[in-house]
């Protein structure tokens, strides 16, 4: 993954993008409950390609939010879980997700009012 100049100048923004990305958010929230094998996590999240989930997990692992544990068994087993830092981030993301669920009716009303005023 190539970094843009603006990303290298603002590392906080880059981490924010990782944590709040579509798949990053869903992975973090899912991992709050327990650790998952890759295929289990993919099913839990739903509608994510293997490639996208793998890329998301690598990014979150690099940021220190997700732990990847490969177990030396046959067949190979890899489990993903949150680090302490990841748990902290996931709690924040889950709070935002819960707020969205609670306030969706107000958002819909605002959208309808906006659309009505524009026509």
PDB file of N, CA and C in Angstrom:
ATOM      1  N   UNK A   1       0.843  -1.166   0.000  1.00  0.00           N
ATOM      2  CA  UNK A   1       0.000   0.000   0.000  1.00  0.00           C
ATOM      3  C   UNK A   1       0.896   1.239   0.000  1.00  0.00           C
ATOM      4  N   UNK A   2       0.716   2.086  -1.008  1.00  0.00           N
ATOM      5  CA  UNK A   2       1.487   3.319  -1.080  1.00  0.00           C
ATOM      6  C   UNK A   2       0.862   4.383  -0.202  1.00  0.00           C
ATOM      7  N   UNK A   3       1.698   5.108   0.536  1.00  0.00           N
ATOM      8  CA  UNK A   3       1.180   6.183   1.369  1.00  0.00           C
ATOM      9  C   UNK A   3       1.217   7.476   0.593  1.00  0.00           C
ATOM     10  N   UNK A   4       0.155   8.257   0.709  1.00  0.00           N
ATOM     11  CA  UNK A   4       0.112   9.581   0.118  1.00  0.00           C
ATOM     12  C   UNK A   4       0.907  10.517   1.010  1.00  0.00           C
ATOM     13  N   UNK A   5       1.344  11.620   0.450  1.00  0.00           N
ATOM     14  CA  UNK A   5       2.116  12.592   1.226  1.00  0.00           C
ATOM     15  C   UNK A   5       1.304  13.076   2.420  1.00  0.00           C
ATOM     16  N   UNK A   6       0.003  13.366   2.217  1.00  0.00           N
ATOM     17  CA  UNK A   6      -0.816  13.873   3.313  1.00  0.00           C
ATOM     18  C   UNK A   6      -0.943  12.848   4.435  1.00  0.00           C
ATOM     19  N   UNK A   7      -0.955  11.545   4.080  1.00  0.00           N
ATOM     20  CA  UNK A   7      -1.042  10.502   5.104  1.00  0.00           C
ATOM     21  C   UNK A   7       0.219  10.453   5.947  1.00  0.00           C
ATOM     22  N   UNK A   8       1.357  10.650   5.323  1.00  0.00           N
ATOM     23  CA  UNK A   8       2.600  10.604   6.088  1.00  0.00           C
ATOM     24  C   UNK A   8       2.733  11.823   6.992  1.00  0.00           C
ATOM     25  N   UNK A   9       2.065  12.906   6.653  1.00  0.00           N
ATOM     26  CA  UNK A   9       2.138  14.106   7.477  1.00  0.00           C
ATOM     27  C   UNK A   9       1.121  14.089   8.616  1.00  0.00           C
ATOM     28  N   UNK A  10       0.098  13.267   8.512  1.00  0.00           N
ATOM     29  CA  UNK A  10      -0.945  13.242   9.535  1.00  0.00           C
ATOM     30  C   UNK A  10      -1.276  11.796   9.901  1.00  0.00           C
ATOM     31  N   UNK A  11      -0.446  11.166  10.727  1.00  0.00           N
ATOM     32  CA  UNK A  11      -0.666   9.756  11.061  1.00  0.00           C
ATOM     33  C   UNK A  11      -1.969   9.511  11.817  1.00  0.00           C
ATOM     34  N   UNK A  12      -2.443  10.479  12.585  1.00  0.00           N
ATOM     35  CA  UNK A  12      -3.702  10.311  13.303  1.00  0.00           C
ATOM     36  C   UNK A  12      -4.864  10.131  12.341  1.00  0.00           C
ATOM     37  N   UNK A  13      -4.842  10.880  11.264  1.00  0.00           N
ATOM     38  CA  UNK A  13      -5.902  10.779  10.253  1.00  0.00           C
ATOM     39  C   UNK A  13      -5.902   9.389   9.611  1.00  0.00           C
ATOM     40  N   UNK A  14      -4.730   8.867   9.351  1.00  0.00           N
ATOM     41  CA  UNK A  14      -4.622   7.547   8.742  1.00  0.00           C
ATOM     42  C   UNK A  14      -5.183   6.463   9.673  1.00  0.00           C
ATOM     43  N   UNK A  15      -4.850   6.518  10.949  1.00  0.00           N
ATOM     44  CA  UNK A  15      -5.379   5.550  11.906  1.00  0.00           C
ATOM     45  C   UNK A  15      -6.896   5.702  12.015  1.00  0.00           C
ATOM     46  N   UNK A  16      -7.375   6.931  12.026  1.00  0.00           N
ATOM     47  CA  UNK A  16      -8.822   7.175  12.070  1.00  0.00           C
ATOM     48  C   UNK A  16      -9.505   6.536  10.868  1.00  0.00           C
ATOM     49  N   UNK A  17      -8.891   6.638   9.707  1.00  0.00           N
ATOM     50  CA  UNK A  17      -9.450   6.011   8.511  1.00  0.00           C
ATOM     51  C   UNK A  17      -9.485   4.494   8.650  1.00  0.00           C
ATOM     52  N   UNK A  18      -8.465   3.905   9.233  1.00  0.00           N
ATOM     53  CA  UNK A  18      -8.436   2.450   9.431  1.00  0.00           C
ATOM     54  C   UNK A  18      -9.540   2.005  10.391  1.00  0.00           C
ATOM     55  N   UNK A  19      -9.675   2.721  11.488  1.00  0.00           N
ATOM     56  CA  UNK A  19     -10.640   2.346  12.528  1.00  0.00           C
ATOM     57  C   UNK A  19     -12.077   2.567  12.063  1.00  0.00           C
ATOM     58  N   UNK A  20     -12.310   3.612  11.289  1.00  0.00           N
ATOM     59  CA  UNK A  20     -13.677   3.946  10.893  1.00  0.00           C
ATOM     60  C   UNK A  20     -14.024   3.488   9.480  1.00  0.00           C
ATOM     61  N   UNK A  21     -13.146   2.745   8.849  1.00  0.00           N
ATOM     62  CA  UNK A  21     -13.481   2.218   7.523  1.00  0.00           C
ATOM     63  C   UNK A  21     -14.626   1.229   7.657  1.00  0.00           C
ATOM     64  N   UNK A  22     -15.306   0.976   6.564  1.00  0.00           N
ATOM     65  CA  UNK A  22     -16.463   0.072   6.582  1.00  0.00           C
ATOM     66  C   UNK A  22     -16.124  -1.266   7.235  1.00  0.00           C
ATOM     67  N   UNK A  23     -15.066  -1.907   6.770  1.00  0.00           N
ATOM     68  CA  UNK A  23     -14.727  -3.242   7.269  1.00  0.00           C
ATOM     69  C   UNK A  23     -13.958  -3.178   8.578  1.00  0.00           C
ATOM     70  N   UNK A  24     -13.187  -2.133   8.775  1.00  0.00           N
ATOM     71  CA  UNK A  24     -12.468  -1.974  10.034  1.00  0.00           C
ATOM     72  C   UNK A  24     -13.421  -1.855  11.205  1.00  0.00           C
ATOM     73  N   UNK A  25     -14.443  -1.037  11.044  1.00  0.00           N
ATOM     74  CA  UNK A  25     -15.446  -0.859  12.084  1.00  0.00           C
ATOM     75  C   UNK A  25     -16.134  -2.178  12.417  1.00  0.00           C
ATOM     76  N   UNK A  26     -16.578  -2.886  11.388  1.00  0.00           N
ATOM     77  CA  UNK A  26     -17.298  -4.140  11.610  1.00  0.00           C
ATOM     78  C   UNK A  26     -16.402  -5.215  12.230  1.00  0.00           C
ATOM     79  N   UNK A  27     -15.148  -5.261  11.806  1.00  0.00           N
ATOM     80  CA  UNK A  27     -14.220  -6.241  12.373  1.00  0.00           C
ATOM     81  C   UNK A  27     -13.951  -5.935  13.846  1.00  0.00           C
ATOM     82  N   UNK A  28     -13.701  -4.686  14.159  1.00  0.00           N
ATOM     83  CA  UNK A  28     -13.432  -4.315  15.553  1.00  0.00           C
ATOM     84  C   UNK A  28     -14.617  -4.633  16.452  1.00  0.00           C
ATOM     85  N   UNK A  29     -15.820  -4.291  16.008  1.00  0.00           N
ATOM     86  CA  UNK A  29     -17.010  -4.546  16.819  1.00  0.00           C
ATOM     87  C   UNK A  29     -17.209  -6.046  17.012  1.00  0.00           C
ATOM     88  N   UNK A  30     -17.032  -6.826  15.954  1.00  0.00           N
ATOM     89  CA  UNK A  30     -17.195  -8.285  16.068  1.00  0.00           C
ATOM     90  C   UNK A  30     -16.182  -8.874  17.039  1.00  0.00           C
ATOM     91  N   UNK A  31     -14.944  -8.403  16.975  1.00  0.00           N
ATOM     92  CA  UNK A  31     -13.888  -8.951  17.815  1.00  0.00           C
ATOM     93  C   UNK A  31     -14.028  -8.556  19.284  1.00  0.00           C
ATOM     94  N   UNK A  32     -14.923  -7.616  19.593  1.00  0.00           N
ATOM     95  CA  UNK A  32     -15.184  -7.292  20.994  1.00  0.00           C
ATOM     96  C   UNK A  32     -15.773  -8.487  21.736  1.00  0.00           C
ATOM     97  N   UNK A  33     -16.555  -9.291  21.025  1.00  0.00           N
ATOM     98  CA  UNK A  33     -17.222 -10.433  21.658  1.00  0.00           C
ATOM     99  C   UNK A  33     -16.268 -11.568  21.975  1.00  0.00           C
ATOM    100  N   UNK A  34     -15.374 -11.869  21.028  1.00  0.00           N
ATOM    101  CA  UNK A  34     -14.461 -13.001  21.204  1.00  0.00           C
ATOM    102  C   UNK A  34     -13.462 -13.021  20.067  1.00  0.00           C
ATOM    103  N   UNK A  35     -12.504 -13.945  20.131  1.00  0.00           N
ATOM    104  CA  UNK A  35     -11.581 -14.121  19.012  1.00  0.00           C
ATOM    105  C   UNK A  35     -12.277 -14.964  17.941  1.00  0.00           C
ATOM    106  N   UNK A  36     -11.837 -14.803  16.715  1.00  0.00           N
ATOM    107  CA  UNK A  36     -12.423 -15.518  15.584  1.00  0.00           C
ATOM    108  C   UNK A  36     -11.338 -16.063  14.687  1.00  0.00           C
ATOM    109  N   UNK A  37     -11.631 -17.182  14.062  1.00  0.00           N
ATOM    110  CA  UNK A  37     -10.841 -17.635  12.929  1.00  0.00           C
ATOM    111  C   UNK A  37     -11.264 -16.770  11.746  1.00  0.00           C
ATOM    112  N   UNK A  38     -10.411 -16.713  10.728  1.00  0.00           N
ATOM    113  CA  UNK A  38     -10.671 -15.842   9.592  1.00  0.00           C
ATOM    114  C   UNK A  38     -12.050 -16.102   8.980  1.00  0.00           C
ATOM    115  N   UNK A  39     -12.341 -17.364   8.675  1.00  0.00           N
ATOM    116  CA  UNK A  39     -13.610 -17.681   8.012  1.00  0.00           C
ATOM    117  C   UNK A  39     -14.806 -17.380   8.906  1.00  0.00           C
ATOM    118  N   UNK A  40     -14.663 -17.579  10.213  1.00  0.00           N
ATOM    119  CA  UNK A  40     -15.739 -17.251  11.151  1.00  0.00           C
ATOM    120  C   UNK A  40     -16.001 -15.743  11.159  1.00  0.00           C
ATOM    121  N   UNK A  41     -14.926 -14.984  11.189  1.00  0.00           N
ATOM    122  CA  UNK A  41     -15.046 -13.528  11.210  1.00  0.00           C
ATOM    123  C   UNK A  41     -15.691 -13.034   9.918  1.00  0.00           C
ATOM    124  N   UNK A  42     -15.307 -13.632   8.817  1.00  0.00           N
ATOM    125  CA  UNK A  42     -15.883 -13.245   7.528  1.00  0.00           C
ATOM    126  C   UNK A  42     -17.388 -13.508   7.514  1.00  0.00           C
ATOM    127  N   UNK A  43     -17.803 -14.644   8.029  1.00  0.00           N
ATOM    128  CA  UNK A  43     -19.241 -14.944   8.114  1.00  0.00           C
ATOM    129  C   UNK A  43     -19.947 -13.985   9.071  1.00  0.00           C
ATOM    130  N   UNK A  44     -19.309 -13.681  10.178  1.00  0.00           N
ATOM    131  CA  UNK A  44     -19.894 -12.778  11.170  1.00  0.00           C
ATOM    132  C   UNK A  44     -20.123 -11.388  10.580  1.00  0.00           C
ATOM    133  N   UNK A  45     -19.155 -10.908   9.823  1.00  0.00           N
ATOM    134  CA  UNK A  45     -19.264  -9.580   9.219  1.00  0.00           C
ATOM    135  C   UNK A  45     -20.228  -9.609   8.034  1.00  0.00           C
ATOM    136  N   UNK A  46     -20.076 -10.614   7.174  1.00  0.00           N
ATOM    137  CA  UNK A  46     -20.950 -10.747   6.008  1.00  0.00           C
ATOM    138  C   UNK A  46     -20.594  -9.770   4.895  1.00  0.00           C
ATOM    139  N   UNK A  47     -20.751 -10.224   3.659  1.00  0.00           N
ATOM    140  CA  UNK A  47     -20.606  -9.400   2.448  1.00  0.00           C
ATOM    141  C   UNK A  47     -19.219  -8.786   2.245  1.00  0.00           C
ATOM    142  N   UNK A  48     -18.204  -9.317   2.875  1.00  0.00           N
ATOM    143  CA  UNK A  48     -16.840  -8.819   2.675  1.00  0.00           C
ATOM    144  C   UNK A  48     -16.054  -9.900   1.938  1.00  0.00           C
ATOM    145  N   UNK A  49     -15.255  -9.471   0.969  1.00  0.00           N
ATOM    146  CA  UNK A  49     -14.439 -10.437   0.239  1.00  0.00           C
ATOM    147  C   UNK A  49     -13.267 -10.888   1.117  1.00  0.00           C
ATOM    148  N   UNK A  50     -12.730 -12.056   0.797  1.00  0.00           N
ATOM    149  CA  UNK A  50     -11.559 -12.541   1.534  1.00  0.00           C
ATOM    150  C   UNK A  50     -10.417 -11.543   1.442  1.00  0.00           C
ATOM    151  N   UNK A  51     -10.192 -11.037   0.239  1.00  0.00           N
ATOM    152  CA  UNK A  51      -9.090 -10.102   0.017  1.00  0.00           C
ATOM    153  C   UNK A  51      -9.255  -8.835   0.867  1.00  0.00           C
ATOM    154  N   UNK A  52     -10.466  -8.295   0.902  1.00  0.00           N
ATOM    155  CA  UNK A  52     -10.700  -7.057   1.648  1.00  0.00           C
ATOM    156  C   UNK A  52     -10.566  -7.278   3.142  1.00  0.00           C
ATOM    157  N   UNK A  53     -11.087  -8.405   3.632  1.00  0.00           N
ATOM    158  CA  UNK A  53     -10.972  -8.696   5.063  1.00  0.00           C
ATOM    159  C   UNK A  53      -9.516  -8.928   5.444  1.00  0.00           C
ATOM    160  N   UNK A  54      -8.791  -9.663   4.618  1.00  0.00           N
ATOM    161  CA  UNK A  54      -7.369  -9.909   4.899  1.00  0.00           C
ATOM    162  C   UNK A  54      -6.596  -8.592   4.949  1.00  0.00           C
ATOM    163  N   UNK A  55      -6.869  -7.720   4.005  1.00  0.00           N
ATOM    164  CA  UNK A  55      -6.197  -6.414   3.964  1.00  0.00           C
ATOM    165  C   UNK A  55      -6.562  -5.588   5.197  1.00  0.00           C
ATOM    166  N   UNK A  56      -7.830  -5.596   5.572  1.00  0.00           N
ATOM    167  CA  UNK A  56      -8.278  -4.840   6.742  1.00  0.00           C
ATOM    168  C   UNK A  56      -7.612  -5.363   8.006  1.00  0.00           C
ATOM    169  N   UNK A  57      -7.586  -6.680   8.168  1.00  0.00           N
ATOM    170  CA  UNK A  57      -6.977  -7.259   9.365  1.00  0.00           C
ATOM    171  C   UNK A  57      -5.476  -6.982   9.425  1.00  0.00           C
ATOM    172  N   UNK A  58      -4.799  -7.050   8.287  1.00  0.00           N
ATOM    173  CA  UNK A  58      -3.355  -6.718   8.257  1.00  0.00           C
ATOM    174  C   UNK A  58      -3.125  -5.281   8.680  1.00  0.00           C
ATOM    175  N   UNK A  59      -3.960  -4.378   8.186  1.00  0.00           N
ATOM    176  CA  UNK A  59      -3.823  -2.965   8.530  1.00  0.00           C
ATOM    177  C   UNK A  59      -4.058  -2.747  10.023  1.00  0.00           C
ATOM    178  N   UNK A  60      -5.110  -3.373  10.558  1.00  0.00           N
ATOM    179  CA  UNK A  60      -5.405  -3.223  11.986  1.00  0.00           C
ATOM    180  C   UNK A  60      -4.333  -3.888  12.851  1.00  0.00           C
ATOM    181  N   UNK A  61      -3.758  -4.975  12.353  1.00  0.00           N
ATOM    182  CA  UNK A  61      -2.662  -5.626  13.073  1.00  0.00           C
ATOM    183  C   UNK A  61      -1.434  -4.721  13.086  1.00  0.00           C
ATOM    184  N   UNK A  62      -1.148  -4.120  11.959  1.00  0.00           N
ATOM    185  CA  UNK A  62       0.010  -3.213  11.865  1.00  0.00           C
ATOM    186  C   UNK A  62      -0.150  -2.025  12.805  1.00  0.00           C
ATOM    187  N   UNK A  63      -1.386  -1.547  12.951  1.00  0.00           N
ATOM    188  CA  UNK A  63      -1.658  -0.421  13.854  1.00  0.00           C
ATOM    189  C   UNK A  63      -1.674  -0.830  15.323  1.00  0.00           C
ATOM    190  N   UNK A  64      -1.535  -2.126  15.596  1.00  0.00           N
ATOM    191  CA  UNK A  64      -1.497  -2.598  16.972  1.00  0.00           C
ATOM    192  C   UNK A  64      -2.866  -2.820  17.590  1.00  0.00           C
ATOM    193  N   UNK A  65      -3.908  -2.918  16.754  1.00  0.00           N
ATOM    194  CA  UNK A  65      -5.262  -3.070  17.254  1.00  0.00           C
ATOM    195  C   UNK A  65      -5.733  -4.521  17.265  1.00  0.00           C
ATOM    196  N   UNK A  66      -5.205  -5.312  16.339  1.00  0.00           N
ATOM    197  CA  UNK A  66      -5.602  -6.713  16.204  1.00  0.00           C
ATOM    198  C   UNK A  66      -4.382  -7.603  16.377  1.00  0.00           C
ATOM    199  N   UNK A  67      -4.592  -8.716  17.043  1.00  0.00           N
ATOM    200  CA  UNK A  67      -3.538  -9.719  17.238  1.00  0.00           C
ATOM    201  C   UNK A  67      -3.859 -10.911  16.344  1.00  0.00           C
ATOM    202  N   UNK A  68      -2.877 -11.343  15.586  1.00  0.00           N
ATOM    203  CA  UNK A  68      -3.006 -12.529  14.734  1.00  0.00           C
ATOM    204  C   UNK A  68      -2.171 -13.622  15.367  1.00  0.00           C
ATOM    205  N   UNK A  69      -2.819 -14.732  15.710  1.00  0.00           N
ATOM    206  CA  UNK A  69      -2.102 -15.833  16.350  1.00  0.00           C
ATOM    207  C   UNK A  69      -2.217 -17.087  15.488  1.00  0.00           C
ATOM    208  N   UNK A  70      -1.082 -17.475  14.898  1.00  0.00           N
ATOM    209  CA  UNK A  70      -1.027 -18.695  14.089  1.00  0.00           C
ATOM    210  C   UNK A  70      -0.645 -19.851  15.004  1.00  0.00           C
ATOM    211  N   UNK A  71      -1.478 -20.885  14.997  1.00  0.00           N
ATOM    212  CA  UNK A  71      -1.227 -22.043  15.861  1.00  0.00           C
ATOM    213  C   UNK A  71      -0.611 -23.159  15.016  1.00  0.00           C
ATOM    214  N   UNK A  72       0.464 -23.773  15.517  1.00  0.00           N
ATOM    215  CA  UNK A  72       1.173 -24.803  14.743  1.00  0.00           C
ATOM    216  C   UNK A  72       0.459 -26.160  14.791  1.00  0.00           C
ATOM    217  N   UNK A  73      -0.692 -26.212  14.151  1.00  0.00           N
ATOM    218  CA  UNK A  73      -1.468 -27.448  14.091  1.00  0.00           C
ATOM    219  C   UNK A  73      -1.778 -27.760  12.632  1.00  0.00           C
ATOM    220  N   UNK A  74      -2.231 -28.975  12.399  1.00  0.00           N
ATOM    221  CA  UNK A  74      -2.623 -29.370  11.053  1.00  0.00           C
ATOM    222  C   UNK A  74      -4.104 -29.716  11.098  1.00  0.00           C
ATOM    223  N   UNK A  75      -4.944 -29.085  10.300  1.00  0.00           N
ATOM    224  CA  UNK A  75      -4.635 -27.995   9.376  1.00  0.00           C
ATOM    225  C   UNK A  75      -4.294 -26.720  10.149  1.00  0.00           C
ATOM    226  N   UNK A  76      -3.617 -25.792   9.475  1.00  0.00           N
ATOM    227  CA  UNK A  76      -3.217 -24.546  10.146  1.00  0.00           C
ATOM    228  C   UNK A  76      -4.425 -23.799  10.720  1.00  0.00           C
ATOM    229  N   UNK A  77      -4.219 -23.177  11.851  1.00  0.00           N
ATOM    230  CA  UNK A  77      -5.288 -22.400  12.489  1.00  0.00           C
ATOM    231  C   UNK A  77      -4.738 -21.029  12.848  1.00  0.00           C
ATOM    232  N   UNK A  78      -5.472 -20.009  12.439  1.00  0.00           N
ATOM    233  CA  UNK A  78      -5.113 -18.630  12.744  1.00  0.00           C
ATOM    234  C   UNK A  78      -6.301 -17.978  13.422  1.00  0.00           C
ATOM    235  N   UNK A  79      -6.059 -17.403  14.586  1.00  0.00           N
ATOM    236  CA  UNK A  79      -7.107 -16.705  15.327  1.00  0.00           C
ATOM    237  C   UNK A  79      -6.791 -15.217  15.367  1.00  0.00           C
ATOM    238  N   UNK A  80      -7.850 -14.424  15.319  1.00  0.00           N
ATOM    239  CA  UNK A  80      -7.731 -12.969  15.407  1.00  0.00           C
ATOM    240  C   UNK A  80      -8.452 -12.508  16.660  1.00  0.00           C
ATOM    241  N   UNK A  81      -7.814 -11.594  17.393  1.00  0.00           N
ATOM    242  CA  UNK A  81      -8.407 -11.028  18.595  1.00  0.00           C
ATOM    243  C   UNK A  81      -7.948  -9.590  18.721  1.00  0.00           C
ATOM    244  N   UNK A  82      -8.540  -8.881  19.666  1.00  0.00           N
ATOM    245  CA  UNK A  82      -8.162  -7.488  19.895  1.00  0.00           C
ATOM    246  C   UNK A  82      -7.027  -7.393  20.901  1.00  0.00           C
ATOM    247  N   UNK A  83      -6.148  -6.460  20.680  1.00  0.00           N
ATOM    248  CA  UNK A  83      -5.162  -6.093  21.690  1.00  0.00           C
ATOM    249  C   UNK A  83      -5.861  -5.163  22.677  1.00  0.00           C
ATOM    250  N   UNK A  84      -5.191  -4.772  23.728  1.00  0.00           N
ATOM    251  CA  UNK A  84      -5.776  -3.803  24.661  1.00  0.00           C
ATOM    252  C   UNK A  84      -6.094  -2.496  23.939  1.00  0.00           C
ATOM    253  N   UNK A  85      -5.198  -2.069  23.092  1.00  0.00           N
ATOM    254  CA  UNK A  85      -5.401  -0.848  22.307  1.00  0.00           C
ATOM    255  C   UNK A  85      -6.601  -1.019  21.368  1.00  0.00           C
ATOM    256  N   UNK A  86      -6.693  -2.178  20.755  1.00  0.00           N
ATOM    257  CA  UNK A  86      -7.808  -2.467  19.858  1.00  0.00           C
ATOM    258  C   UNK A  86      -9.140  -2.500  20.578  1.00  0.00           C
ATOM    259  N   UNK A  87      -9.143  -3.061  21.792  1.00  0.00           N
ATOM    260  CA  UNK A  87     -10.377  -3.103  22.590  1.00  0.00           C
ATOM    261  C   UNK A  87     -10.835  -1.683  22.915  1.00  0.00           C
ATOM    262  N   UNK A  88      -9.888  -0.836  23.246  1.00  0.00           N
ATOM    263  CA  UNK A  88     -10.215   0.560  23.545  1.00  0.00           C
ATOM    264  C   UNK A  88     -10.838   1.243  22.317  1.00  0.00           C
ATOM    265  N   UNK A  89     -10.232   1.049  21.154  1.00  0.00           N
ATOM    266  CA  UNK A  89     -10.762   1.637  19.917  1.00  0.00           C
ATOM    267  C   UNK A  89     -12.130   1.045  19.579  1.00  0.00           C
ATOM    268  N   UNK A  90     -12.264  -0.275  19.731  1.00  0.00           N
ATOM    269  CA  UNK A  90     -13.515  -0.952  19.387  1.00  0.00           C
ATOM    270  C   UNK A  90     -14.665  -0.476  20.270  1.00  0.00           C
ATOM    271  N   UNK A  91     -14.390  -0.216  21.531  1.00  0.00           N
ATOM    272  CA  UNK A  91     -15.432   0.296  22.432  1.00  0.00           C
ATOM    273  C   UNK A  91     -15.936   1.653  21.936  1.00  0.00           C
ATOM    274  N   UNK A  92     -15.012   2.488  21.482  1.00  0.00           N
ATOM    275  CA  UNK A  92     -15.398   3.803  20.960  1.00  0.00           C
ATOM    276  C   UNK A  92     -16.237   3.664  19.695  1.00  0.00           C
ATOM    277  N   UNK A  93     -15.819   2.789  18.808  1.00  0.00           N
ATOM    278  CA  UNK A  93     -16.539   2.567  17.555  1.00  0.00           C
ATOM    279  C   UNK A  93     -17.925   1.989  17.845  1.00  0.00           C
ATOM    280  N   UNK A  94     -18.000   1.053  18.776  1.00  0.00           N
ATOM    281  CA  UNK A  94     -19.297   0.471  19.122  1.00  0.00           C
ATOM    282  C   UNK A  94     -20.230   1.531  19.706  1.00  0.00           C
ATOM    283  N   UNK A  95     -19.676   2.446  20.492  1.00  0.00           N
ATOM    284  CA  UNK A  95     -20.495   3.548  21.018  1.00  0.00           C
ATOM    285  C   UNK A  95     -21.096   4.381  19.896  1.00  0.00           C
ATOM    286  N   UNK A  96     -20.308   4.663  18.883  1.00  0.00           N
ATOM    287  CA  UNK A  96     -20.809   5.417  17.733  1.00  0.00           C
ATOM    288  C   UNK A  96     -21.870   4.612  16.980  1.00  0.00           C
ATOM    289  N   UNK A  97     -21.657   3.309  16.835  1.00  0.00           N
ATOM    290  CA  UNK A  97     -22.636   2.455  16.160  1.00  0.00           C
ATOM    291  C   UNK A  97     -23.957   2.434  16.937  1.00  0.00           C
ATOM    292  N   UNK A  98     -23.881   2.359  18.233  1.00  0.00           N
ATOM    293  CA  UNK A  98     -25.102   2.361  19.057  1.00  0.00           C
ATOM    294  C   UNK A  98     -25.826   3.700  18.964  1.00  0.00           C
ATOM    295  N   UNK A  99     -25.071   4.788  18.965  1.00  0.00           N
ATOM    296  CA  UNK A  99     -25.675   6.112  18.807  1.00  0.00           C
ATOM    297  C   UNK A  99     -26.416   6.179  17.477  1.00  0.00           C
ATOM    298  N   UNK A 100     -25.791   5.664  16.409  1.00  0.00           N
ATOM    299  CA  UNK A 100     -26.411   5.675  15.091  1.00  0.00           C
ATOM    300  C   UNK A 100     -27.733   4.910  15.102  1.00  0.00           C
ATOM    301  N   UNK A 101     -27.732   3.741  15.748  1.00  0.00           N
ATOM    302  CA  UNK A 101     -28.967   2.957  15.842  1.00  0.00           C
ATOM    303  C   UNK A 101     -30.053   3.729  16.592  1.00  0.00           C
ATOM    304  N   UNK A 102     -29.677   4.346  17.708  1.00  0.00           N
ATOM    305  CA  UNK A 102     -30.654   5.082  18.524  1.00  0.00           C
ATOM    306  C   UNK A 102     -31.201   6.311  17.809  1.00  0.00           C
ATOM    307  N   UNK A 103     -30.373   6.971  17.022  1.00  0.00           N
ATOM    308  CA  UNK A 103     -30.738   8.263  16.432  1.00  0.00           C
ATOM    309  C   UNK A 103     -31.107   8.185  14.951  1.00  0.00           C
ATOM    310  N   UNK A 104     -31.263   6.989  14.412  1.00  0.00           N
ATOM    311  CA  UNK A 104     -31.550   6.837  12.987  1.00  0.00           C
ATOM    312  C   UNK A 104     -32.860   7.502  12.585  1.00  0.00           C
ATOM    313  N   UNK A 105     -33.877   7.442  13.421  1.00  0.00           N
ATOM    314  CA  UNK A 105     -35.154   8.093  13.104  1.00  0.00           C
ATOM    315  C   UNK A 105     -34.965   9.599  12.923  1.00  0.00           C
ATOM    316  N   UNK A 106     -34.164  10.218  13.785  1.00  0.00           N
ATOM    317  CA  UNK A 106     -33.901  11.653  13.668  1.00  0.00           C
ATOM    318  C   UNK A 106     -33.130  11.958  12.388  1.00  0.00           C
ATOM    319  N   UNK A 107     -32.202  11.082  12.018  1.00  0.00           N
ATOM    320  CA  UNK A 107     -31.450  11.266  10.780  1.00  0.00           C
ATOM    321  C   UNK A 107     -32.391  11.173   9.578  1.00  0.00           C
ATOM    322  N   UNK A 108     -33.284  10.194   9.604  1.00  0.00           N
ATOM    323  CA  UNK A 108     -34.257  10.042   8.504  1.00  0.00           C
ATOM    324  C   UNK A 108     -35.146  11.274   8.391  1.00  0.00           C
ATOM    325  N   UNK A 109     -35.591  11.806   9.509  1.00  0.00           N
ATOM    326  CA  UNK A 109     -36.414  13.020   9.494  1.00  0.00           C
ATOM    327  C   UNK A 109     -35.643  14.187   8.900  1.00  0.00           C
ATOM    328  N   UNK A 110     -34.391  14.323   9.295  1.00  0.00           N
ATOM    329  CA  UNK A 110     -33.557  15.402   8.761  1.00  0.00           C
ATOM    330  C   UNK A 110     -33.375  15.251   7.256  1.00  0.00           C
ATOM    331  N   UNK A 111     -33.174  14.036   6.789  1.00  0.00           N
ATOM    332  CA  UNK A 111     -33.019  13.793   5.359  1.00  0.00           C
ATOM    333  C   UNK A 111     -34.285  14.160   4.594  1.00  0.00           C
ATOM    334  N   UNK A 112     -35.423  13.733   5.146  1.00  0.00           N
ATOM    335  CA  UNK A 112     -36.699  14.038   4.490  1.00  0.00           C
ATOM    336  C   UNK A 112     -36.927  15.537   4.423  1.00  0.00           C
ATOM    337  N   UNK A 113     -36.650  16.251   5.504  1.00  0.00           N
ATOM    338  CA  UNK A 113     -36.810  17.702   5.523  1.00  0.00           C
ATOM    339  C   UNK A 113     -35.874  18.372   4.519  1.00  0.00           C
ATOM    340  N   UNK A 114     -34.651  17.890   4.460  1.00  0.00           N
ATOM    341  CA  UNK A 114     -33.677  18.439   3.526  1.00  0.00           C
ATOM    342  C   UNK A 114     -34.141  18.221   2.085  1.00  0.00           C
ATOM    343  N   UNK A 115     -34.552  16.979   1.778  1.00  0.00           N
ATOM    344  CA  UNK A 115     -34.989  16.640   0.419  1.00  0.00           C
ATOM    345  C   UNK A 115     -36.231  17.432   0.032  1.00  0.00           C
ATOM    346  N   UNK A 116     -37.183  17.613   0.971  1.00  0.00           N
ATOM    347  CA  UNK A 116     -38.387  18.361   0.683  1.00  0.00           C
ATOM    348  C   UNK A 116     -38.072  19.832   0.385  1.00  0.00           C
ATOM    349  N   UNK A 117     -37.117  20.383   1.098  1.00  0.00           N
ATOM    350  CA  UNK A 117     -36.733  21.777   0.885  1.00  0.00           C
ATOM    351  C   UNK A 117     -35.991  21.981  -0.441  1.00  0.00           C
ATOM    352  N   UNK A 118     -35.398  20.938  -0.953  1.00  0.00           N
ATOM    353  CA  UNK A 118     -34.596  21.022  -2.190  1.00  0.00           C
ATOM    354  C   UNK A 118     -35.448  20.829  -3.435  1.00  0.00           C
ATOM    355  N   UNK A 119     -36.698  20.368  -3.284  1.00  0.00           N
ATOM    356  CA  UNK A 119     -37.514  20.105  -4.481  1.00  0.00           C
ATOM    357  C   UNK A 119     -38.529  21.191  -4.724  1.00  0.00           C
TER     358      UNK A 119
END
